[in-house]
Amino acid sequence: MEAAGYSADALSQEARRALAALLYAQGKLTLGQAAQLADMPLRVFIPFLASLNLSPLNYSADELENDQESIEWQLGKK
């Protein structure tokens, strides 16, 4: 590991971050849970996901439509 430029701590940290990103992409962890596993603040984890070409928005089309309808309903009520 050291010959490749990794200390045990650095490798462990990188492995946690990769695992967190993978589990988030598979829908097994929420964004917050994945950030916690990666030991990163959410504001840092979101750009980290983007650097891996992963979207921080993990909505299905139905969930997105439902949220949009809810927002429109709330705005219409005020």
PDB file of N, CA and C in Angstrom:
ATOM      1  N   MET A   1       0.818  -1.190   0.000  1.00  0.00           N
ATOM      2  CA  MET A   1       0.000   0.000   0.000  1.00  0.00           C
ATOM      3  C   MET A   1       0.865   1.258   0.000  1.00  0.00           C
ATOM      4  N   GLU A   2       1.866   1.269   0.838  1.00  0.00           N
ATOM      5  CA  GLU A   2       2.712   2.451   0.925  1.00  0.00           C
ATOM      6  C   GLU A   2       3.470   2.695  -0.369  1.00  0.00           C
ATOM      7  N   ALA A   3       3.832   1.624  -1.069  1.00  0.00           N
ATOM      8  CA  ALA A   3       4.533   1.774  -2.339  1.00  0.00           C
ATOM      9  C   ALA A   3       3.659   2.465  -3.376  1.00  0.00           C
ATOM     10  N   ALA A   4       2.340   2.293  -3.247  1.00  0.00           N
ATOM     11  CA  ALA A   4       1.399   2.946  -4.157  1.00  0.00           C
ATOM     12  C   ALA A   4       1.021   4.339  -3.671  1.00  0.00           C
ATOM     13  N   GLY A   5       1.600   4.765  -2.555  1.00  0.00           N
ATOM     14  CA  GLY A   5       1.329   6.098  -2.044  1.00  0.00           C
ATOM     15  C   GLY A   5       0.169   6.170  -1.071  1.00  0.00           C
ATOM     16  N   TYR A   6      -0.258   5.033  -0.540  1.00  0.00           N
ATOM     17  CA  TYR A   6      -1.382   5.007   0.386  1.00  0.00           C
ATOM     18  C   TYR A   6      -0.928   4.572   1.770  1.00  0.00           C
ATOM     19  N   SER A   7      -1.350   5.313   2.755  1.00  0.00           N
ATOM     20  CA  SER A   7      -1.210   4.833   4.119  1.00  0.00           C
ATOM     21  C   SER A   7      -2.450   3.987   4.400  1.00  0.00           C
ATOM     22  N   ALA A   8      -2.415   3.214   5.445  1.00  0.00           N
ATOM     23  CA  ALA A   8      -3.583   2.393   5.801  1.00  0.00           C
ATOM     24  C   ALA A   8      -4.791   3.276   6.060  1.00  0.00           C
ATOM     25  N   ASP A   9      -4.592   4.423   6.711  1.00  0.00           N
ATOM     26  CA  ASP A   9      -5.704   5.339   6.996  1.00  0.00           C
ATOM     27  C   ASP A   9      -6.287   5.933   5.716  1.00  0.00           C
ATOM     28  N   ALA A  10      -5.418   6.349   4.807  1.00  0.00           N
ATOM     29  CA  ALA A  10      -5.882   6.939   3.550  1.00  0.00           C
ATOM     30  C   ALA A  10      -6.648   5.908   2.720  1.00  0.00           C
ATOM     31  N   LEU A  11      -6.160   4.698   2.675  1.00  0.00           N
ATOM     32  CA  LEU A  11      -6.840   3.646   1.924  1.00  0.00           C
ATOM     33  C   LEU A  11      -8.197   3.328   2.551  1.00  0.00           C
ATOM     34  N   SER A  12      -8.252   3.265   3.869  1.00  0.00           N
ATOM     35  CA  SER A  12      -9.501   3.008   4.564  1.00  0.00           C
ATOM     36  C   SER A  12     -10.514   4.111   4.277  1.00  0.00           C
ATOM     37  N   GLN A  13     -10.060   5.355   4.307  1.00  0.00           N
ATOM     38  CA  GLN A  13     -10.947   6.488   4.033  1.00  0.00           C
ATOM     39  C   GLN A  13     -11.471   6.427   2.600  1.00  0.00           C
ATOM     40  N   GLU A  14     -10.603   6.156   1.656  1.00  0.00           N
ATOM     41  CA  GLU A  14     -11.021   6.075   0.248  1.00  0.00           C
ATOM     42  C   GLU A  14     -11.999   4.918   0.034  1.00  0.00           C
ATOM     43  N   ALA A  15     -11.760   3.802   0.696  1.00  0.00           N
ATOM     44  CA  ALA A  15     -12.654   2.645   0.573  1.00  0.00           C
ATOM     45  C   ALA A  15     -14.038   2.965   1.141  1.00  0.00           C
ATOM     46  N   ARG A  16     -14.093   3.661   2.285  1.00  0.00           N
ATOM     47  CA  ARG A  16     -15.376   4.051   2.874  1.00  0.00           C
ATOM     48  C   ARG A  16     -16.140   4.972   1.939  1.00  0.00           C
ATOM     49  N   ARG A  17     -15.442   5.906   1.338  1.00  0.00           N
ATOM     50  CA  ARG A  17     -16.093   6.855   0.423  1.00  0.00           C
ATOM     51  C   ARG A  17     -16.618   6.149  -0.822  1.00  0.00           C
ATOM     52  N   ALA A  18     -15.835   5.237  -1.357  1.00  0.00           N
ATOM     53  CA  ALA A  18     -16.280   4.485  -2.540  1.00  0.00           C
ATOM     54  C   ALA A  18     -17.480   3.610  -2.205  1.00  0.00           C
ATOM     55  N   LEU A  19     -17.434   2.961  -1.059  1.00  0.00           N
ATOM     56  CA  LEU A  19     -18.553   2.120  -0.640  1.00  0.00           C
ATOM     57  C   LEU A  19     -19.804   2.957  -0.415  1.00  0.00           C
ATOM     58  N   ALA A  20     -19.654   4.104   0.210  1.00  0.00           N
ATOM     59  CA  ALA A  20     -20.798   4.985   0.446  1.00  0.00           C
ATOM     60  C   ALA A  20     -21.424   5.420  -0.872  1.00  0.00           C
ATOM     61  N   ALA A  21     -20.607   5.794  -1.836  1.00  0.00           N
ATOM     62  CA  ALA A  21     -21.116   6.219  -3.142  1.00  0.00           C
ATOM     63  C   ALA A  21     -21.838   5.068  -3.834  1.00  0.00           C
ATOM     64  N   LEU A  22     -21.266   3.885  -3.778  1.00  0.00           N
ATOM     65  CA  LEU A  22     -21.878   2.714  -4.412  1.00  0.00           C
ATOM     66  C   LEU A  22     -23.220   2.382  -3.771  1.00  0.00           C
ATOM     67  N   LEU A  23     -23.258   2.347  -2.448  1.00  0.00           N
ATOM     68  CA  LEU A  23     -24.509   2.010  -1.758  1.00  0.00           C
ATOM     69  C   LEU A  23     -25.578   3.071  -1.982  1.00  0.00           C
ATOM     70  N   TYR A  24     -25.165   4.333  -2.090  1.00  0.00           N
ATOM     71  CA  TYR A  24     -26.121   5.388  -2.405  1.00  0.00           C
ATOM     72  C   TYR A  24     -26.659   5.209  -3.828  1.00  0.00           C
ATOM     73  N   ALA A  25     -25.767   4.960  -4.775  1.00  0.00           N
ATOM     74  CA  ALA A  25     -26.180   4.790  -6.167  1.00  0.00           C
ATOM     75  C   ALA A  25     -27.120   3.602  -6.331  1.00  0.00           C
ATOM     76  N   GLN A  26     -26.946   2.568  -5.516  1.00  0.00           N
ATOM     77  CA  GLN A  26     -27.813   1.394  -5.570  1.00  0.00           C
ATOM     78  C   GLN A  26     -29.118   1.594  -4.805  1.00  0.00           C
ATOM     79  N   GLY A  27     -29.252   2.725  -4.134  1.00  0.00           N
ATOM     80  CA  GLY A  27     -30.469   3.013  -3.382  1.00  0.00           C
ATOM     81  C   GLY A  27     -30.533   2.319  -2.032  1.00  0.00           C
ATOM     82  N   LYS A  28     -29.413   1.829  -1.562  1.00  0.00           N
ATOM     83  CA  LYS A  28     -29.390   1.116  -0.276  1.00  0.00           C
ATOM     84  C   LYS A  28     -29.168   2.055   0.903  1.00  0.00           C
ATOM     85  N   LEU A  29     -28.628   3.241   0.631  1.00  0.00           N
ATOM     86  CA  LEU A  29     -28.448   4.255   1.661  1.00  0.00           C
ATOM     87  C   LEU A  29     -29.053   5.562   1.173  1.00  0.00           C
ATOM     88  N   THR A  30     -29.558   6.347   2.113  1.00  0.00           N
ATOM     89  CA  THR A  30     -29.995   7.688   1.761  1.00  0.00           C
ATOM     90  C   THR A  30     -28.764   8.562   1.560  1.00  0.00           C
ATOM     91  N   LEU A  31     -28.984   9.754   1.053  1.00  0.00           N
ATOM     92  CA  LEU A  31     -27.875  10.683   0.851  1.00  0.00           C
ATOM     93  C   LEU A  31     -27.180  10.986   2.177  1.00  0.00           C
ATOM     94  N   GLY A  32     -27.954  11.228   3.212  1.00  0.00           N
ATOM     95  CA  GLY A  32     -27.395  11.517   4.523  1.00  0.00           C
ATOM     96  C   GLY A  32     -26.633  10.337   5.107  1.00  0.00           C
ATOM     97  N   GLN A  33     -27.186   9.152   4.964  1.00  0.00           N
ATOM     98  CA  GLN A  33     -26.511   7.952   5.470  1.00  0.00           C
ATOM     99  C   GLN A  33     -25.196   7.722   4.746  1.00  0.00           C
ATOM    100  N   ALA A  34     -25.215   7.926   3.435  1.00  0.00           N
ATOM    101  CA  ALA A  34     -23.998   7.723   2.653  1.00  0.00           C
ATOM    102  C   ALA A  34     -22.930   8.742   3.031  1.00  0.00           C
ATOM    103  N   ALA A  35     -23.332   9.989   3.229  1.00  0.00           N
ATOM    104  CA  ALA A  35     -22.378  11.015   3.641  1.00  0.00           C
ATOM    105  C   ALA A  35     -21.774  10.663   4.995  1.00  0.00           C
ATOM    106  N   GLN A  36     -22.608  10.152   5.884  1.00  0.00           N
ATOM    107  CA  GLN A  36     -22.119   9.763   7.201  1.00  0.00           C
ATOM    108  C   GLN A  36     -21.125   8.604   7.093  1.00  0.00           C
ATOM    109  N   LEU A  37     -21.457   7.590   6.278  1.00  0.00           N
ATOM    110  CA  LEU A  37     -20.541   6.469   6.081  1.00  0.00           C
ATOM    111  C   LEU A  37     -19.210   6.944   5.498  1.00  0.00           C
ATOM    112  N   ALA A  38     -19.295   7.882   4.577  1.00  0.00           N
ATOM    113  CA  ALA A  38     -18.090   8.422   3.945  1.00  0.00           C
ATOM    114  C   ALA A  38     -17.322   9.355   4.880  1.00  0.00           C
ATOM    115  N   ASP A  39     -17.912   9.670   6.028  1.00  0.00           N
ATOM    116  CA  ASP A  39     -17.314  10.589   7.001  1.00  0.00           C
ATOM    117  C   ASP A  39     -17.049  11.944   6.358  1.00  0.00           C
ATOM    118  N   MET A  40     -18.076  12.415   5.614  1.00  0.00           N
ATOM    119  CA  MET A  40     -17.978  13.693   4.925  1.00  0.00           C
ATOM    120  C   MET A  40     -19.230  14.508   5.237  1.00  0.00           C
ATOM    121  N   PRO A  41     -19.083  15.819   5.416  1.00  0.00           N
ATOM    122  CA  PRO A  41     -20.292  16.643   5.525  1.00  0.00           C
ATOM    123  C   PRO A  41     -21.079  16.548   4.226  1.00  0.00           C
ATOM    124  N   LEU A  42     -22.384  16.685   4.317  1.00  0.00           N
ATOM    125  CA  LEU A  42     -23.237  16.591   3.134  1.00  0.00           C
ATOM    126  C   LEU A  42     -22.806  17.581   2.060  1.00  0.00           C
ATOM    127  N   ARG A  43     -22.414  18.785   2.471  1.00  0.00           N
ATOM    128  CA  ARG A  43     -22.009  19.810   1.504  1.00  0.00           C
ATOM    129  C   ARG A  43     -20.727  19.429   0.760  1.00  0.00           C
ATOM    130  N   VAL A  44     -19.979  18.483   1.284  1.00  0.00           N
ATOM    131  CA  VAL A  44     -18.761  17.988   0.619  1.00  0.00           C
ATOM    132  C   VAL A  44     -19.061  16.693  -0.133  1.00  0.00           C
ATOM    133  N   PHE A  45     -19.982  15.890   0.422  1.00  0.00           N
ATOM    134  CA  PHE A  45     -20.309  14.611  -0.202  1.00  0.00           C
ATOM    135  C   PHE A  45     -21.029  14.796  -1.538  1.00  0.00           C
ATOM    136  N   ILE A  46     -21.890  15.799  -1.626  1.00  0.00           N
ATOM    137  CA  ILE A  46     -22.634  16.029  -2.881  1.00  0.00           C
ATOM    138  C   ILE A  46     -21.677  16.304  -4.047  1.00  0.00           C
ATOM    139  N   PRO A  47     -20.707  17.224  -3.915  1.00  0.00           N
ATOM    140  CA  PRO A  47     -19.748  17.390  -5.020  1.00  0.00           C
ATOM    141  C   PRO A  47     -18.886  16.144  -5.257  1.00  0.00           C
ATOM    142  N   PHE A  48     -18.627  15.382  -4.195  1.00  0.00           N
ATOM    143  CA  PHE A  48     -17.886  14.132  -4.358  1.00  0.00           C
ATOM    144  C   PHE A  48     -18.668  13.189  -5.274  1.00  0.00           C
ATOM    145  N   LEU A  49     -19.980  13.076  -5.049  1.00  0.00           N
ATOM    146  CA  LEU A  49     -20.807  12.246  -5.935  1.00  0.00           C
ATOM    147  C   LEU A  49     -20.731  12.756  -7.369  1.00  0.00           C
ATOM    148  N   ALA A  50     -20.823  14.068  -7.520  1.00  0.00           N
ATOM    149  CA  ALA A  50     -20.761  14.654  -8.869  1.00  0.00           C
ATOM    150  C   ALA A  50     -19.441  14.334  -9.545  1.00  0.00           C
ATOM    151  N   SER A  51     -18.352  14.290  -8.771  1.00  0.00           N
ATOM    152  CA  SER A  51     -17.050  13.966  -9.358  1.00  0.00           C
ATOM    153  C   SER A  51     -17.006  12.533  -9.878  1.00  0.00           C
ATOM    154  N   LEU A  52     -17.924  11.698  -9.370  1.00  0.00           N
ATOM    155  CA  LEU A  52     -18.033  10.313  -9.831  1.00  0.00           C
ATOM    156  C   LEU A  52     -19.155  10.142 -10.856  1.00  0.00           C
ATOM    157  N   ASN A  53     -19.681  11.266 -11.333  1.00  0.00           N
ATOM    158  CA  ASN A  53     -20.809  11.284 -12.275  1.00  0.00           C
ATOM    159  C   ASN A  53     -22.046  10.619 -11.691  1.00  0.00           C
ATOM    160  N   LEU A  54     -22.253  10.793 -10.385  1.00  0.00           N
ATOM    161  CA  LEU A  54     -23.446  10.300  -9.708  1.00  0.00           C
ATOM    162  C   LEU A  54     -24.282  11.492  -9.277  1.00  0.00           C
ATOM    163  N   SER A  55     -25.560  11.409  -9.489  1.00  0.00           N
ATOM    164  CA  SER A  55     -26.449  12.503  -9.112  1.00  0.00           C
ATOM    165  C   SER A  55     -26.813  12.412  -7.637  1.00  0.00           C
ATOM    166  N   PRO A  56     -26.813  13.550  -6.941  1.00  0.00           N
ATOM    167  CA  PRO A  56     -27.273  13.535  -5.552  1.00  0.00           C
ATOM    168  C   PRO A  56     -28.793  13.409  -5.467  1.00  0.00           C
ATOM    169  N   LEU A  57     -29.468  13.578  -6.589  1.00  0.00           N
ATOM    170  CA  LEU A  57     -30.919  13.422  -6.633  1.00  0.00           C
ATOM    171  C   LEU A  57     -31.233  12.020  -7.107  1.00  0.00           C
ATOM    172  N   ASN A  58     -31.697  11.218  -6.198  1.00  0.00           N
ATOM    173  CA  ASN A  58     -31.951   9.816  -6.501  1.00  0.00           C
ATOM    174  C   ASN A  58     -33.453   9.567  -6.508  1.00  0.00           C
ATOM    175  N   TYR A  59     -34.161  10.325  -7.346  1.00  0.00           N
ATOM    176  CA  TYR A  59     -35.613  10.216  -7.440  1.00  0.00           C
ATOM    177  C   TYR A  59     -35.996   9.395  -8.660  1.00  0.00           C
ATOM    178  N   SER A  60     -37.046   8.612  -8.488  1.00  0.00           N
ATOM    179  CA  SER A  60     -37.651   7.998  -9.665  1.00  0.00           C
ATOM    180  C   SER A  60     -38.534   9.064 -10.308  1.00  0.00           C
ATOM    181  N   ALA A  61     -38.949   8.834 -11.529  1.00  0.00           N
ATOM    182  CA  ALA A  61     -39.814   9.791 -12.216  1.00  0.00           C
ATOM    183  C   ALA A  61     -41.126   9.977 -11.452  1.00  0.00           C
ATOM    184  N   ASP A  62     -41.669   8.902 -10.893  1.00  0.00           N
ATOM    185  CA  ASP A  62     -42.919   8.997 -10.128  1.00  0.00           C
ATOM    186  C   ASP A  62     -42.741   9.835  -8.867  1.00  0.00           C
ATOM    187  N   GLU A  63     -41.623   9.625  -8.148  1.00  0.00           N
ATOM    188  CA  GLU A  63     -41.370  10.410  -6.938  1.00  0.00           C
ATOM    189  C   GLU A  63     -41.205  11.887  -7.267  1.00  0.00           C
ATOM    190  N   LEU A  64     -40.503  12.171  -8.351  1.00  0.00           N
ATOM    191  CA  LEU A  64     -40.293  13.549  -8.757  1.00  0.00           C
ATOM    192  C   LEU A  64     -41.624  14.204  -9.121  1.00  0.00           C
ATOM    193  N   GLU A  65     -42.455  13.486  -9.851  1.00  0.00           N
ATOM    194  CA  GLU A  65     -43.765  14.029 -10.226  1.00  0.00           C
ATOM    195  C   GLU A  65     -44.624  14.271  -8.986  1.00  0.00           C
ATOM    196  N   ASN A  66     -44.589  13.346  -8.045  1.00  0.00           N
ATOM    197  CA  ASN A  66     -45.352  13.499  -6.816  1.00  0.00           C
ATOM    198  C   ASN A  66     -44.873  14.719  -6.026  1.00  0.00           C
ATOM    199  N   ASP A  67     -43.574  14.887  -5.918  1.00  0.00           N
ATOM    200  CA  ASP A  67     -43.030  16.048  -5.216  1.00  0.00           C
ATOM    201  C   ASP A  67     -43.414  17.343  -5.918  1.00  0.00           C
ATOM    202  N   GLN A  68     -43.358  17.343  -7.230  1.00  0.00           N
ATOM    203  CA  GLN A  68     -43.719  18.536  -7.987  1.00  0.00           C
ATOM    204  C   GLN A  68     -45.186  18.884  -7.760  1.00  0.00           C
ATOM    205  N   GLU A  69     -46.054  17.884  -7.780  1.00  0.00           N
ATOM    206  CA  GLU A  69     -47.482  18.129  -7.524  1.00  0.00           C
ATOM    207  C   GLU A  69     -47.696  18.665  -6.108  1.00  0.00           C
ATOM    208  N   SER A  70     -46.969  18.127  -5.148  1.00  0.00           N
ATOM    209  CA  SER A  70     -47.091  18.589  -3.762  1.00  0.00           C
ATOM    210  C   SER A  70     -46.653  20.049  -3.631  1.00  0.00           C
ATOM    211  N   ILE A  71     -45.558  20.395  -4.282  1.00  0.00           N
ATOM    212  CA  ILE A  71     -45.069  21.777  -4.229  1.00  0.00           C
ATOM    213  C   ILE A  71     -46.075  22.716  -4.889  1.00  0.00           C
ATOM    214  N   GLU A  72     -46.575  22.322  -6.041  1.00  0.00           N
ATOM    215  CA  GLU A  72     -47.554  23.162  -6.739  1.00  0.00           C
ATOM    216  C   GLU A  72     -48.812  23.331  -5.896  1.00  0.00           C
ATOM    217  N   TRP A  73     -49.244  22.269  -5.232  1.00  0.00           N
ATOM    218  CA  TRP A  73     -50.422  22.357  -4.366  1.00  0.00           C
ATOM    219  C   TRP A  73     -50.170  23.311  -3.211  1.00  0.00           C
ATOM    220  N   GLN A  74     -48.978  23.186  -2.588  1.00  0.00           N
ATOM    221  CA  GLN A  74     -48.629  24.073  -1.480  1.00  0.00           C
ATOM    222  C   GLN A  74     -48.567  25.544  -1.926  1.00  0.00           C
ATOM    223  N   LEU A  75     -47.994  25.789  -3.081  1.00  0.00           N
ATOM    224  CA  LEU A  75     -47.903  27.161  -3.585  1.00  0.00           C
ATOM    225  C   LEU A  75     -49.282  27.704  -3.917  1.00  0.00           C
ATOM    226  N   GLY A  76     -50.141  26.851  -4.409  1.00  0.00           N
ATOM    227  CA  GLY A  76     -51.513  27.273  -4.741  1.00  0.00           C
ATOM    228  C   GLY A  76     -52.366  27.559  -3.527  1.00  0.00           C
ATOM    229  N   LYS A  77     -52.022  26.960  -2.399  1.00  0.00           N
ATOM    230  CA  LYS A  77     -52.785  27.160  -1.164  1.00  0.00           C
ATOM    231  C   LYS A  77     -52.487  28.488  -0.509  1.00  0.00           C
ATOM    232  N   LYS A  78     -51.346  29.056  -0.791  1.00  0.00           N
ATOM    233  CA  LYS A  78     -50.944  30.283  -0.086  1.00  0.00           C
ATOM    234  C   LYS A  78     -51.483  31.508  -0.743  1.00  0.00           C
TER     235      LYS A  78
END
